[in-house]
Amino acid sequence: MPWPVGSPAVALSSIEAGFSRRLHPYWPTLQVRTRTWLRERQVMSPSIVERFADDLRYTDLVAGYYLGASNELLSAIADFSAWFFAWDDRHDRDVVHGRLGAWRKLCAALHAVLDDPDHHREHADPLVSALADCLIRVRSHVADTWSLRFTGHFHPVVDAYDREFHNRAHHAVPTVAQYVELRRLTFAHELWIDLLEPTAGSELPAYLRDDAAFRRAAMATQDFAAWYNDLCSLPKELAGDEVHNLAISLICHEGMSPGQAAAEVHRRVSECVETFLETEPAVMALADHTARTGTEGVRYAATIRSCLFNMRNWFSSVYWFHQESGRYRTQAWDDRSAPPYIDDPEGRS
């Protein structure tokens, strides 16, 4: 069931009409820099970079979400985002080809690099050394307290990917509730939310970061992204007999047909947009109240407004990225279960 471009199955009029599309002014240079980084760090082979990097539009995603970031910070985030897609692809191929030993070795290396990136920048595995490079560059823009929080959020992401590996290897489809919990980790909700603060140039204190309205708005943006990704990925994942997709959990555990499940995911995606719009005024009120608490409060209020501005941008950025990226144009692939932008033709062990 491939979705043709512009299909009603993935269209969202609420996004197209109500969320302006914006791109960081550094975007054209960013695209060139990330393409070069992918090649130089050997995250992708030169031929794959040449053929697919621009069409995948990985830099579009962050250039539309982290507006206000310095050029250097945005470049580090863009490379990290591209790295995340490459890691996801490695995970996929390791599952498909049964490379459990290689996968476990990679997980151990990723945990190690999170704790000490400086000692892994020249690691033999390009995926490990590339992550170290991204972390070192991002950390040059933040305080140690932020770095510790980011690392604390990242370790569970690696563990969640390992749980997904186990589920896929044993063809175990999680229940809807189990999947929702796991997906919030494999999509790395907390990491993308964390990166809003260095973009704004200030770290928020916990009492503001954990405010109910702020968290609700932030999680609505990330759930939207995860479920919309599932919706757009569904044709590929059904073709590949996958087990990790919200729609597939609905099919297997709620007795829905593929069409009904896709419609339910579409409904949930739309509900995320509504949740954000309902919560947005409360976050603005939080910023206004914070600004009245003194000089430090004015700075924190500016950070809250920057975060909220980019939360809003996340909707349009994610939406158009999935509409335009070659990563989801499955109807153009020879094999809908095997993306052409993955350089693993032999499935070597």
C-alpha atoms as a PDB file:
ATOM      1  CA  MET A   1       0.000   0.000   0.000  1.00  0.00           C
ATOM      2  CA  PRO A   2       2.458   2.700  -1.171  1.00  0.00           C
ATOM      3  CA  TRP A   3       1.364   6.275  -0.546  1.00  0.00           C
ATOM      4  CA  PRO A   4       1.577   8.368  -3.720  1.00  0.00           C
ATOM      5  CA  VAL A   5       2.880  11.912  -3.271  1.00  0.00           C
ATOM      6  CA  GLY A   6       0.085  14.120  -1.946  1.00  0.00           C
ATOM      7  CA  SER A   7      -2.021  11.137  -0.853  1.00  0.00           C
ATOM      8  CA  PRO A   8      -4.911  11.965   1.517  1.00  0.00           C
ATOM      9  CA  ALA A   9      -3.542   9.174   3.720  1.00  0.00           C
ATOM     10  CA  VAL A  10      -0.623  11.393   4.758  1.00  0.00           C
ATOM     11  CA  ALA A  11      -2.005  14.889   4.066  1.00  0.00           C
ATOM     12  CA  LEU A  12      -2.756  17.214   6.987  1.00  0.00           C
ATOM     13  CA  SER A  13      -4.626  20.386   6.118  1.00  0.00           C
ATOM     14  CA  SER A  14      -4.126  21.681   9.669  1.00  0.00           C
ATOM     15  CA  ILE A  15      -0.361  21.794   9.064  1.00  0.00           C
ATOM     16  CA  GLU A  16      -0.534  23.137   5.527  1.00  0.00           C
ATOM     17  CA  ALA A  17      -2.896  25.960   6.530  1.00  0.00           C
ATOM     18  CA  GLY A  18      -1.877  26.763  10.092  1.00  0.00           C
ATOM     19  CA  PHE A  19       1.879  26.264  10.421  1.00  0.00           C
ATOM     20  CA  SER A  20       4.226  28.454   8.430  1.00  0.00           C
ATOM     21  CA  ARG A  21       7.198  26.755   6.875  1.00  0.00           C
ATOM     22  CA  ARG A  22      10.523  28.290   7.868  1.00  0.00           C
ATOM     23  CA  LEU A  23      14.175  27.447   7.221  1.00  0.00           C
ATOM     24  CA  HIS A  24      17.271  28.699   9.005  1.00  0.00           C
ATOM     25  CA  PRO A  25      19.121  31.111   6.680  1.00  0.00           C
ATOM     26  CA  TYR A  26      22.219  28.910   6.948  1.00  0.00           C
ATOM     27  CA  TRP A  27      20.392  25.997   5.313  1.00  0.00           C
ATOM     28  CA  PRO A  28      22.010  26.086   1.822  1.00  0.00           C
ATOM     29  CA  THR A  29      25.504  26.022   3.328  1.00  0.00           C
ATOM     30  CA  LEU A  30      24.361  23.504   5.918  1.00  0.00           C
ATOM     31  CA  GLN A  31      23.348  21.080   3.190  1.00  0.00           C
ATOM     32  CA  VAL A  32      26.817  21.295   1.631  1.00  0.00           C
ATOM     33  CA  ARG A  33      28.565  20.918   5.000  1.00  0.00           C
ATOM     34  CA  THR A  34      26.584  17.866   6.080  1.00  0.00           C
ATOM     35  CA  ARG A  35      27.070  16.219   2.707  1.00  0.00           C
ATOM     36  CA  THR A  36      30.825  16.749   3.094  1.00  0.00           C
ATOM     37  CA  TRP A  37      30.735  15.515   6.701  1.00  0.00           C
ATOM     38  CA  LEU A  38      28.910  12.305   5.747  1.00  0.00           C
ATOM     39  CA  ARG A  39      31.575  11.581   3.159  1.00  0.00           C
ATOM     40  CA  GLU A  40      34.615  12.556   5.235  1.00  0.00           C
ATOM     41  CA  ARG A  41      33.457  10.729   8.364  1.00  0.00           C
ATOM     42  CA  GLN A  42      32.543   7.712   6.168  1.00  0.00           C
ATOM     43  CA  VAL A  43      29.026   7.612   7.587  1.00  0.00           C
ATOM     44  CA  MET A  44      27.906   6.962   4.013  1.00  0.00           C
ATOM     45  CA  SER A  45      30.002   5.850   1.067  1.00  0.00           C
ATOM     46  CA  PRO A  46      30.961   8.621  -1.398  1.00  0.00           C
ATOM     47  CA  SER A  47      28.742   7.141  -4.116  1.00  0.00           C
ATOM     48  CA  ILE A  48      25.697   7.023  -1.812  1.00  0.00           C
ATOM     49  CA  VAL A  49      26.334  10.591  -0.663  1.00  0.00           C
ATOM     50  CA  GLU A  50      26.612  11.750  -4.250  1.00  0.00           C
ATOM     51  CA  ARG A  51      23.473   9.955  -5.401  1.00  0.00           C
ATOM     52  CA  PHE A  52      21.148  10.354  -2.422  1.00  0.00           C
ATOM     53  CA  ALA A  53      22.250  12.844   0.253  1.00  0.00           C
ATOM     54  CA  ASP A  54      20.513  15.937  -1.119  1.00  0.00           C
ATOM     55  CA  ASP A  55      17.340  14.046  -2.037  1.00  0.00           C
ATOM     56  CA  LEU A  56      17.086  12.591   1.479  1.00  0.00           C
ATOM     57  CA  ARG A  57      16.824  16.195   2.765  1.00  0.00           C
ATOM     58  CA  TYR A  58      18.171  15.417   6.230  1.00  0.00           C
ATOM     59  CA  THR A  59      19.342  18.993   6.726  1.00  0.00           C
ATOM     60  CA  ASP A  60      15.875  20.347   5.900  1.00  0.00           C
ATOM     61  CA  LEU A  61      14.554  18.743   9.053  1.00  0.00           C
ATOM     62  CA  VAL A  62      16.779  20.542  11.555  1.00  0.00           C
ATOM     63  CA  ALA A  63      17.030  23.759   9.524  1.00  0.00           C
ATOM     64  CA  GLY A  64      13.279  24.049   9.988  1.00  0.00           C
ATOM     65  CA  TYR A  65      13.306  23.200  13.691  1.00  0.00           C
ATOM     66  CA  TYR A  66      16.288  24.881  15.347  1.00  0.00           C
ATOM     67  CA  LEU A  67      15.840  28.420  14.097  1.00  0.00           C
ATOM     68  CA  GLY A  68      17.933  30.871  16.065  1.00  0.00           C
ATOM     69  CA  ALA A  69      20.840  28.447  16.562  1.00  0.00           C
ATOM     70  CA  SER A  70      24.298  29.691  15.683  1.00  0.00           C
ATOM     71  CA  ASN A  71      25.605  28.392  12.371  1.00  0.00           C
ATOM     72  CA  GLU A  72      28.140  26.135  14.065  1.00  0.00           C
ATOM     73  CA  LEU A  73      25.629  24.684  16.514  1.00  0.00           C
ATOM     74  CA  LEU A  74      23.123  24.097  13.723  1.00  0.00           C
ATOM     75  CA  SER A  75      25.811  22.312  11.708  1.00  0.00           C
ATOM     76  CA  ALA A  76      26.579  20.016  14.636  1.00  0.00           C
ATOM     77  CA  ILE A  77      22.867  19.265  15.137  1.00  0.00           C
ATOM     78  CA  ALA A  78      22.382  18.639  11.404  1.00  0.00           C
ATOM     79  CA  ASP A  79      25.261  16.178  11.347  1.00  0.00           C
ATOM     80  CA  PHE A  80      23.878  14.496  14.467  1.00  0.00           C
ATOM     81  CA  SER A  81      20.466  14.191  12.808  1.00  0.00           C
ATOM     82  CA  ALA A  82      22.058  12.639   9.700  1.00  0.00           C
ATOM     83  CA  TRP A  83      24.030  10.332  11.991  1.00  0.00           C
ATOM     84  CA  PHE A  84      20.793   9.248  13.672  1.00  0.00           C
ATOM     85  CA  PHE A  85      19.277   8.238  10.337  1.00  0.00           C
ATOM     86  CA  ALA A  86      22.452   6.323   9.437  1.00  0.00           C
ATOM     87  CA  TRP A  87      22.361   4.548  12.814  1.00  0.00           C
ATOM     88  CA  ASP A  88      18.720   3.637  12.237  1.00  0.00           C
ATOM     89  CA  ASP A  89      19.688   2.183   8.866  1.00  0.00           C
ATOM     90  CA  ARG A  90      22.553   0.165  10.411  1.00  0.00           C
ATOM     91  CA  HIS A  91      20.123  -1.159  12.998  1.00  0.00           C
ATOM     92  CA  ASP A  92      17.701  -2.171  10.251  1.00  0.00           C
ATOM     93  CA  ARG A  93      20.311  -4.030   8.208  1.00  0.00           C
ATOM     94  CA  ASP A  94      21.812  -5.737  11.255  1.00  0.00           C
ATOM     95  CA  VAL A  95      18.347  -7.082  12.088  1.00  0.00           C
ATOM     96  CA  VAL A  96      17.623  -8.140   8.513  1.00  0.00           C
ATOM     97  CA  HIS A  97      20.922 -10.000   8.199  1.00  0.00           C
ATOM     98  CA  GLY A  98      20.931 -11.417  11.733  1.00  0.00           C
ATOM     99  CA  ARG A  99      24.117  -9.653  12.811  1.00  0.00           C
ATOM    100  CA  LEU A 100      23.454  -9.859  16.551  1.00  0.00           C
ATOM    101  CA  GLY A 101      27.123  -9.876  17.549  1.00  0.00           C
ATOM    102  CA  ALA A 102      27.936  -6.825  15.472  1.00  0.00           C
ATOM    103  CA  TRP A 103      24.877  -5.017  16.813  1.00  0.00           C
ATOM    104  CA  ARG A 104      25.724  -5.717  20.449  1.00  0.00           C
ATOM    105  CA  LYS A 105      29.312  -4.559  19.850  1.00  0.00           C
ATOM    106  CA  LEU A 106      27.987  -1.323  18.359  1.00  0.00           C
ATOM    107  CA  CYS A 107      25.637  -0.723  21.313  1.00  0.00           C
ATOM    108  CA  ALA A 108      28.502  -1.150  23.774  1.00  0.00           C
ATOM    109  CA  ALA A 109      30.639   1.294  21.782  1.00  0.00           C
ATOM    110  CA  LEU A 110      27.823   3.870  21.658  1.00  0.00           C
ATOM    111  CA  HIS A 111      27.341   3.698  25.428  1.00  0.00           C
ATOM    112  CA  ALA A 112      31.091   4.222  25.831  1.00  0.00           C
ATOM    113  CA  VAL A 113      31.250   7.176  23.462  1.00  0.00           C
ATOM    114  CA  LEU A 114      28.373   8.887  25.263  1.00  0.00           C
ATOM    115  CA  ASP A 115      30.352   8.857  28.488  1.00  0.00           C
ATOM    116  CA  ASP A 116      33.681   9.878  26.952  1.00  0.00           C
ATOM    117  CA  PRO A 117      33.449  11.158  23.363  1.00  0.00           C
ATOM    118  CA  ASP A 118      36.965  12.598  23.342  1.00  0.00           C
ATOM    119  CA  HIS A 119      38.474   9.108  23.476  1.00  0.00           C
ATOM    120  CA  HIS A 120      36.368   7.764  20.583  1.00  0.00           C
ATOM    121  CA  ARG A 121      36.714  10.395  17.868  1.00  0.00           C
ATOM    122  CA  GLU A 122      39.088   8.099  15.938  1.00  0.00           C
ATOM    123  CA  HIS A 123      37.225   4.852  16.630  1.00  0.00           C
ATOM    124  CA  ALA A 124      37.551   2.200  13.904  1.00  0.00           C
ATOM    125  CA  ASP A 125      33.799   2.125  13.316  1.00  0.00           C
ATOM    126  CA  PRO A 126      32.854   5.324  11.436  1.00  0.00           C
ATOM    127  CA  LEU A 127      29.420   5.357  13.050  1.00  0.00           C
ATOM    128  CA  VAL A 128      31.004   5.472  16.512  1.00  0.00           C
ATOM    129  CA  SER A 129      33.641   8.079  15.653  1.00  0.00           C
ATOM    130  CA  ALA A 130      31.031  10.233  13.894  1.00  0.00           C
ATOM    131  CA  LEU A 131      28.838  10.286  17.001  1.00  0.00           C
ATOM    132  CA  ALA A 132      31.845  11.308  19.085  1.00  0.00           C
ATOM    133  CA  ASP A 133      32.503  14.152  16.677  1.00  0.00           C
ATOM    134  CA  CYS A 134      28.890  15.376  16.911  1.00  0.00           C
ATOM    135  CA  LEU A 135      28.839  15.219  20.708  1.00  0.00           C
ATOM    136  CA  ILE A 136      32.108  17.105  21.063  1.00  0.00           C
ATOM    137  CA  ARG A 137      30.859  19.858  18.773  1.00  0.00           C
ATOM    138  CA  VAL A 138      27.459  20.184  20.468  1.00  0.00           C
ATOM    139  CA  ARG A 139      29.036  20.189  23.929  1.00  0.00           C
ATOM    140  CA  SER A 140      31.227  23.135  22.993  1.00  0.00           C
ATOM    141  CA  HIS A 141      28.039  25.237  23.043  1.00  0.00           C
ATOM    142  CA  VAL A 142      26.554  24.061  26.353  1.00  0.00           C
ATOM    143  CA  ALA A 143      27.206  23.785  30.081  1.00  0.00           C
ATOM    144  CA  ASP A 144      28.233  20.557  31.768  1.00  0.00           C
ATOM    145  CA  THR A 145      24.832  20.290  33.436  1.00  0.00           C
ATOM    146  CA  TRP A 146      23.133  20.207  30.042  1.00  0.00           C
ATOM    147  CA  SER A 147      25.631  17.644  28.698  1.00  0.00           C
ATOM    148  CA  LEU A 148      25.001  15.334  31.643  1.00  0.00           C
ATOM    149  CA  ARG A 149      21.254  15.573  31.122  1.00  0.00           C
ATOM    150  CA  PHE A 150      21.594  14.912  27.384  1.00  0.00           C
ATOM    151  CA  THR A 151      23.796  11.877  28.031  1.00  0.00           C
ATOM    152  CA  GLY A 152      21.342  10.629  30.643  1.00  0.00           C
ATOM    153  CA  HIS A 153      18.586  10.809  28.046  1.00  0.00           C
ATOM    154  CA  PHE A 154      20.716   9.159  25.354  1.00  0.00           C
ATOM    155  CA  HIS A 155      21.704   5.928  27.115  1.00  0.00           C
ATOM    156  CA  PRO A 156      18.044   4.737  27.279  1.00  0.00           C
ATOM    157  CA  VAL A 157      17.702   5.447  23.550  1.00  0.00           C
ATOM    158  CA  VAL A 158      20.502   2.978  22.791  1.00  0.00           C
ATOM    159  CA  ASP A 159      18.885   0.416  25.109  1.00  0.00           C
ATOM    160  CA  ALA A 160      15.507   0.943  23.420  1.00  0.00           C
ATOM    161  CA  TYR A 161      17.008   0.287  20.004  1.00  0.00           C
ATOM    162  CA  ASP A 162      18.405  -2.959  21.440  1.00  0.00           C
ATOM    163  CA  ARG A 163      14.922  -3.928  22.662  1.00  0.00           C
ATOM    164  CA  GLU A 164      13.556  -3.196  19.203  1.00  0.00           C
ATOM    165  CA  PHE A 165      16.305  -5.385  17.724  1.00  0.00           C
ATOM    166  CA  HIS A 166      15.170  -8.244  19.981  1.00  0.00           C
ATOM    167  CA  ASN A 167      11.509  -7.741  19.053  1.00  0.00           C
ATOM    168  CA  ARG A 168      12.254  -7.702  15.339  1.00  0.00           C
ATOM    169  CA  ALA A 169      14.604 -10.695  15.531  1.00  0.00           C
ATOM    170  CA  HIS A 170      11.867 -12.712  17.267  1.00  0.00           C
ATOM    171  CA  HIS A 171       9.043 -11.185  15.209  1.00  0.00           C
ATOM    172  CA  ALA A 172       7.366  -9.948  18.406  1.00  0.00           C
ATOM    173  CA  VAL A 173       4.887  -7.144  17.814  1.00  0.00           C
ATOM    174  CA  PRO A 174       4.553  -4.975  20.952  1.00  0.00           C
ATOM    175  CA  THR A 175       1.117  -3.987  22.179  1.00  0.00           C
ATOM    176  CA  VAL A 176       0.004  -0.457  21.426  1.00  0.00           C
ATOM    177  CA  ALA A 177       0.890   0.730  24.950  1.00  0.00           C
ATOM    178  CA  GLN A 178       4.274  -1.011  24.838  1.00  0.00           C
ATOM    179  CA  TYR A 179       4.985   0.441  21.425  1.00  0.00           C
ATOM    180  CA  VAL A 180       4.093   3.995  22.436  1.00  0.00           C
ATOM    181  CA  GLU A 181       6.494   3.792  25.382  1.00  0.00           C
ATOM    182  CA  LEU A 182       9.300   2.281  23.297  1.00  0.00           C
ATOM    183  CA  ARG A 183       8.794   4.650  20.369  1.00  0.00           C
ATOM    184  CA  ARG A 184       9.223   7.693  22.580  1.00  0.00           C
ATOM    185  CA  LEU A 185      12.711   6.353  23.230  1.00  0.00           C
ATOM    186  CA  THR A 186      13.674   5.132  19.760  1.00  0.00           C
ATOM    187  CA  PHE A 187      12.517   8.442  18.302  1.00  0.00           C
ATOM    188  CA  ALA A 188      14.631  10.135  20.998  1.00  0.00           C
ATOM    189  CA  HIS A 189      11.954  12.608  22.098  1.00  0.00           C
ATOM    190  CA  GLU A 190      14.016  13.946  24.981  1.00  0.00           C
ATOM    191  CA  LEU A 191      17.127  14.578  22.880  1.00  0.00           C
ATOM    192  CA  TRP A 192      15.374  16.766  20.325  1.00  0.00           C
ATOM    193  CA  ILE A 193      13.629  18.649  23.148  1.00  0.00           C
ATOM    194  CA  ASP A 194      16.943  19.117  24.983  1.00  0.00           C
ATOM    195  CA  LEU A 195      18.512  20.681  21.888  1.00  0.00           C
ATOM    196  CA  LEU A 196      15.970  23.515  21.962  1.00  0.00           C
ATOM    197  CA  GLU A 197      17.805  25.102  24.899  1.00  0.00           C
ATOM    198  CA  PRO A 198      21.284  25.570  23.338  1.00  0.00           C
ATOM    199  CA  THR A 199      19.444  26.829  20.253  1.00  0.00           C
ATOM    200  CA  ALA A 200      17.922  29.510  22.489  1.00  0.00           C
ATOM    201  CA  GLY A 201      21.296  30.165  24.096  1.00  0.00           C
ATOM    202  CA  SER A 202      20.240  29.371  27.662  1.00  0.00           C
ATOM    203  CA  GLU A 203      19.546  26.329  29.812  1.00  0.00           C
ATOM    204  CA  LEU A 204      16.210  26.333  31.607  1.00  0.00           C
ATOM    205  CA  PRO A 205      15.983  25.456  35.307  1.00  0.00           C
ATOM    206  CA  ALA A 206      14.167  22.204  36.049  1.00  0.00           C
ATOM    207  CA  TYR A 207      11.054  23.899  37.435  1.00  0.00           C
ATOM    208  CA  LEU A 208      10.444  25.581  34.067  1.00  0.00           C
ATOM    209  CA  ARG A 209      11.623  22.709  31.888  1.00  0.00           C
ATOM    210  CA  ASP A 210       9.318  20.332  33.791  1.00  0.00           C
ATOM    211  CA  ASP A 211       6.331  22.687  33.853  1.00  0.00           C
ATOM    212  CA  ALA A 212       3.221  20.706  32.862  1.00  0.00           C
ATOM    213  CA  ALA A 213       2.264  22.968  29.961  1.00  0.00           C
ATOM    214  CA  PHE A 214       5.827  23.178  28.616  1.00  0.00           C
ATOM    215  CA  ARG A 215       6.172  19.379  28.740  1.00  0.00           C
ATOM    216  CA  ARG A 216       2.766  18.784  27.194  1.00  0.00           C
ATOM    217  CA  ALA A 217       3.527  21.068  24.263  1.00  0.00           C
ATOM    218  CA  ALA A 218       6.988  19.570  23.755  1.00  0.00           C
ATOM    219  CA  MET A 219       5.741  15.986  23.871  1.00  0.00           C
ATOM    220  CA  ALA A 220       2.908  16.783  21.463  1.00  0.00           C
ATOM    221  CA  THR A 221       5.473  17.896  18.881  1.00  0.00           C
ATOM    222  CA  GLN A 222       7.543  14.759  19.329  1.00  0.00           C
ATOM    223  CA  ASP A 223       4.619  12.335  19.369  1.00  0.00           C
ATOM    224  CA  PHE A 224       3.401  14.039  16.207  1.00  0.00           C
ATOM    225  CA  ALA A 225       6.776  13.437  14.580  1.00  0.00           C
ATOM    226  CA  ALA A 226       6.973   9.794  15.677  1.00  0.00           C
ATOM    227  CA  TRP A 227       3.434   8.890  14.603  1.00  0.00           C
ATOM    228  CA  TYR A 228       3.701  10.810  11.340  1.00  0.00           C
ATOM    229  CA  ASN A 229       6.950   8.979  10.645  1.00  0.00           C
ATOM    230  CA  ASP A 230       5.148   5.698  11.290  1.00  0.00           C
ATOM    231  CA  LEU A 231       2.385   6.698   8.902  1.00  0.00           C
ATOM    232  CA  CYS A 232       4.806   7.597   6.113  1.00  0.00           C
ATOM    233  CA  SER A 233       7.004   4.542   6.781  1.00  0.00           C
ATOM    234  CA  LEU A 234       4.095   2.088   6.827  1.00  0.00           C
ATOM    235  CA  PRO A 235       4.300   0.990   3.153  1.00  0.00           C
ATOM    236  CA  LYS A 236       8.010   0.163   3.511  1.00  0.00           C
ATOM    237  CA  GLU A 237       7.528  -1.607   6.828  1.00  0.00           C
ATOM    238  CA  LEU A 238       4.559  -3.679   5.679  1.00  0.00           C
ATOM    239  CA  ALA A 239       6.572  -4.695   2.597  1.00  0.00           C
ATOM    240  CA  GLY A 240       9.450  -5.737   4.837  1.00  0.00           C
ATOM    241  CA  ASP A 241       7.207  -7.715   7.239  1.00  0.00           C
ATOM    242  CA  GLU A 242       8.202  -5.370  10.071  1.00  0.00           C
ATOM    243  CA  VAL A 243       6.889  -5.415  13.635  1.00  0.00           C
ATOM    244  CA  HIS A 244       7.695  -1.880  14.852  1.00  0.00           C
ATOM    245  CA  ASN A 245       5.123   0.639  13.716  1.00  0.00           C
ATOM    246  CA  LEU A 246       2.109   2.028  15.556  1.00  0.00           C
ATOM    247  CA  ALA A 247      -0.169   0.908  12.726  1.00  0.00           C
ATOM    248  CA  ILE A 248       1.258  -2.622  12.828  1.00  0.00           C
ATOM    249  CA  SER A 249       0.601  -2.821  16.579  1.00  0.00           C
ATOM    250  CA  LEU A 250      -2.967  -1.686  15.912  1.00  0.00           C
ATOM    251  CA  ILE A 251      -3.344  -4.325  13.202  1.00  0.00           C
ATOM    252  CA  CYS A 252      -1.946  -7.146  15.337  1.00  0.00           C
ATOM    253  CA  HIS A 253      -3.434  -6.274  18.735  1.00  0.00           C
ATOM    254  CA  GLU A 254      -6.576  -4.258  17.964  1.00  0.00           C
ATOM    255  CA  GLY A 255      -7.779  -6.309  14.988  1.00  0.00           C
ATOM    256  CA  MET A 256      -7.701  -3.405  12.538  1.00  0.00           C
ATOM    257  CA  SER A 257      -7.212  -3.705   8.800  1.00  0.00           C
ATOM    258  CA  PRO A 258      -4.186  -1.871   7.345  1.00  0.00           C
ATOM    259  CA  GLY A 259      -6.476   0.877   6.094  1.00  0.00           C
ATOM    260  CA  GLN A 260      -8.206   1.261   9.461  1.00  0.00           C
ATOM    261  CA  ALA A 261      -4.868   1.299  11.273  1.00  0.00           C
ATOM    262  CA  ALA A 262      -3.473   3.974   8.952  1.00  0.00           C
ATOM    263  CA  ALA A 263      -6.604   6.065   9.546  1.00  0.00           C
ATOM    264  CA  GLU A 264      -6.195   5.683  13.313  1.00  0.00           C
ATOM    265  CA  VAL A 265      -2.556   6.796  13.161  1.00  0.00           C
ATOM    266  CA  HIS A 266      -3.664   9.766  11.048  1.00  0.00           C
ATOM    267  CA  ARG A 267      -6.242  10.608  13.736  1.00  0.00           C
ATOM    268  CA  ARG A 268      -3.619  10.443  16.478  1.00  0.00           C
ATOM    269  CA  VAL A 269      -1.278  12.635  14.474  1.00  0.00           C
ATOM    270  CA  SER A 270      -4.038  15.224  14.071  1.00  0.00           C
ATOM    271  CA  GLU A 271      -4.774  15.014  17.797  1.00  0.00           C
ATOM    272  CA  CYS A 272      -1.146  15.913  18.550  1.00  0.00           C
ATOM    273  CA  VAL A 273      -1.589  19.107  16.544  1.00  0.00           C
ATOM    274  CA  GLU A 274      -4.768  19.938  18.470  1.00  0.00           C
ATOM    275  CA  THR A 275      -3.041  19.258  21.795  1.00  0.00           C
ATOM    276  CA  PHE A 276      -0.233  21.634  20.930  1.00  0.00           C
ATOM    277  CA  LEU A 277      -2.622  24.402  19.856  1.00  0.00           C
ATOM    278  CA  GLU A 278      -4.624  23.998  23.070  1.00  0.00           C
ATOM    279  CA  THR A 279      -1.450  24.135  25.190  1.00  0.00           C
ATOM    280  CA  GLU A 280       0.444  26.885  23.360  1.00  0.00           C
ATOM    281  CA  PRO A 281      -1.315  29.777  25.196  1.00  0.00           C
ATOM    282  CA  ALA A 282      -0.415  28.276  28.580  1.00  0.00           C
ATOM    283  CA  VAL A 283       3.263  28.124  27.610  1.00  0.00           C
ATOM    284  CA  MET A 284       3.128  31.753  26.477  1.00  0.00           C
ATOM    285  CA  ALA A 285       1.533  32.632  29.814  1.00  0.00           C
ATOM    286  CA  LEU A 286       4.361  30.783  31.576  1.00  0.00           C
ATOM    287  CA  ALA A 287       6.889  32.894  29.682  1.00  0.00           C
ATOM    288  CA  ASP A 288       5.016  36.113  30.503  1.00  0.00           C
ATOM    289  CA  HIS A 289       4.865  35.214  34.198  1.00  0.00           C
ATOM    290  CA  THR A 290       8.547  34.243  34.254  1.00  0.00           C
ATOM    291  CA  ALA A 291       9.529  37.559  32.656  1.00  0.00           C
ATOM    292  CA  ARG A 292       8.012  39.402  35.615  1.00  0.00           C
ATOM    293  CA  THR A 293      10.246  37.660  38.151  1.00  0.00           C
ATOM    294  CA  GLY A 294      13.389  39.737  37.574  1.00  0.00           C
ATOM    295  CA  THR A 295      16.391  39.954  35.270  1.00  0.00           C
ATOM    296  CA  GLU A 296      17.036  36.225  35.272  1.00  0.00           C
ATOM    297  CA  GLY A 297      13.345  35.656  34.637  1.00  0.00           C
ATOM    298  CA  VAL A 298      13.507  37.832  31.522  1.00  0.00           C
ATOM    299  CA  ARG A 299      16.285  35.620  30.163  1.00  0.00           C
ATOM    300  CA  TYR A 300      14.387  32.437  30.971  1.00  0.00           C
ATOM    301  CA  ALA A 301      11.239  33.849  29.411  1.00  0.00           C
ATOM    302  CA  ALA A 302      13.124  34.490  26.180  1.00  0.00           C
ATOM    303  CA  THR A 303      14.322  30.891  26.226  1.00  0.00           C
ATOM    304  CA  ILE A 304      10.790  29.569  26.763  1.00  0.00           C
ATOM    305  CA  ARG A 305       9.507  31.656  23.841  1.00  0.00           C
ATOM    306  CA  SER A 306      12.345  30.424  21.613  1.00  0.00           C
ATOM    307  CA  CYS A 307      11.607  26.811  22.555  1.00  0.00           C
ATOM    308  CA  LEU A 308       7.884  27.272  21.911  1.00  0.00           C
ATOM    309  CA  PHE A 309       8.556  28.976  18.568  1.00  0.00           C
ATOM    310  CA  ASN A 310      10.613  26.002  17.444  1.00  0.00           C
ATOM    311  CA  MET A 311       8.158  23.471  18.845  1.00  0.00           C
ATOM    312  CA  ARG A 312       5.631  25.055  16.501  1.00  0.00           C
ATOM    313  CA  ASN A 313       8.136  24.910  13.650  1.00  0.00           C
ATOM    314  CA  TRP A 314       8.656  21.203  14.297  1.00  0.00           C
ATOM    315  CA  PHE A 315       5.204  20.441  12.865  1.00  0.00           C
ATOM    316  CA  SER A 316       5.822  22.020   9.477  1.00  0.00           C
ATOM    317  CA  SER A 317       9.427  20.835   9.355  1.00  0.00           C
ATOM    318  CA  VAL A 318       8.536  17.200  10.031  1.00  0.00           C
ATOM    319  CA  TYR A 319       5.517  17.302   7.766  1.00  0.00           C
ATOM    320  CA  TRP A 320       7.267  18.655   4.681  1.00  0.00           C
ATOM    321  CA  PHE A 321      10.384  16.569   5.293  1.00  0.00           C
ATOM    322  CA  HIS A 322       8.322  13.391   5.126  1.00  0.00           C
ATOM    323  CA  GLN A 323       6.461  14.645   2.077  1.00  0.00           C
ATOM    324  CA  GLU A 324       9.667  15.469   0.188  1.00  0.00           C
ATOM    325  CA  SER A 325      12.461  13.174   1.404  1.00  0.00           C
ATOM    326  CA  GLY A 326      13.449  10.285  -0.828  1.00  0.00           C
ATOM    327  CA  ARG A 327      13.520   8.188   2.336  1.00  0.00           C
ATOM    328  CA  TYR A 328       9.732   7.801   2.119  1.00  0.00           C
ATOM    329  CA  ARG A 329       9.196   7.696  -1.655  1.00  0.00           C
ATOM    330  CA  THR A 330       8.700   3.944  -1.617  1.00  0.00           C
ATOM    331  CA  GLN A 331       6.642   3.861  -4.796  1.00  0.00           C
ATOM    332  CA  ALA A 332       9.834   4.721  -6.718  1.00  0.00           C
ATOM    333  CA  TRP A 333      11.918   1.869  -5.250  1.00  0.00           C
ATOM    334  CA  ASP A 334      12.534  -1.447  -6.987  1.00  0.00           C
ATOM    335  CA  ASP A 335      12.053  -3.202  -3.631  1.00  0.00           C
ATOM    336  CA  ARG A 336       9.908  -1.339  -1.088  1.00  0.00           C
ATOM    337  CA  SER A 337      11.517  -3.276   1.776  1.00  0.00           C
ATOM    338  CA  ALA A 338      15.112  -2.386   0.785  1.00  0.00           C
ATOM    339  CA  PRO A 339      15.859   1.356   0.607  1.00  0.00           C
ATOM    340  CA  PRO A 340      18.252   2.218  -2.250  1.00  0.00           C
ATOM    341  CA  TYR A 341      20.158   4.733  -0.096  1.00  0.00           C
ATOM    342  CA  ILE A 342      21.542   1.997   2.188  1.00  0.00           C
ATOM    343  CA  ASP A 343      25.005   0.788   1.211  1.00  0.00           C
ATOM    344  CA  ASP A 344      24.829  -2.812   2.436  1.00  0.00           C
ATOM    345  CA  PRO A 345      24.101  -4.818  -0.716  1.00  0.00           C
ATOM    346  CA  GLU A 346      25.706  -8.089   0.389  1.00  0.00           C
ATOM    347  CA  GLY A 347      24.553  -8.115   3.992  1.00  0.00           C
ATOM    348  CA  ARG A 348      28.040  -9.002   5.135  1.00  0.00           C
ATOM    349  CA  SER A 349      28.343 -10.502   8.619  1.00  0.00           C
END
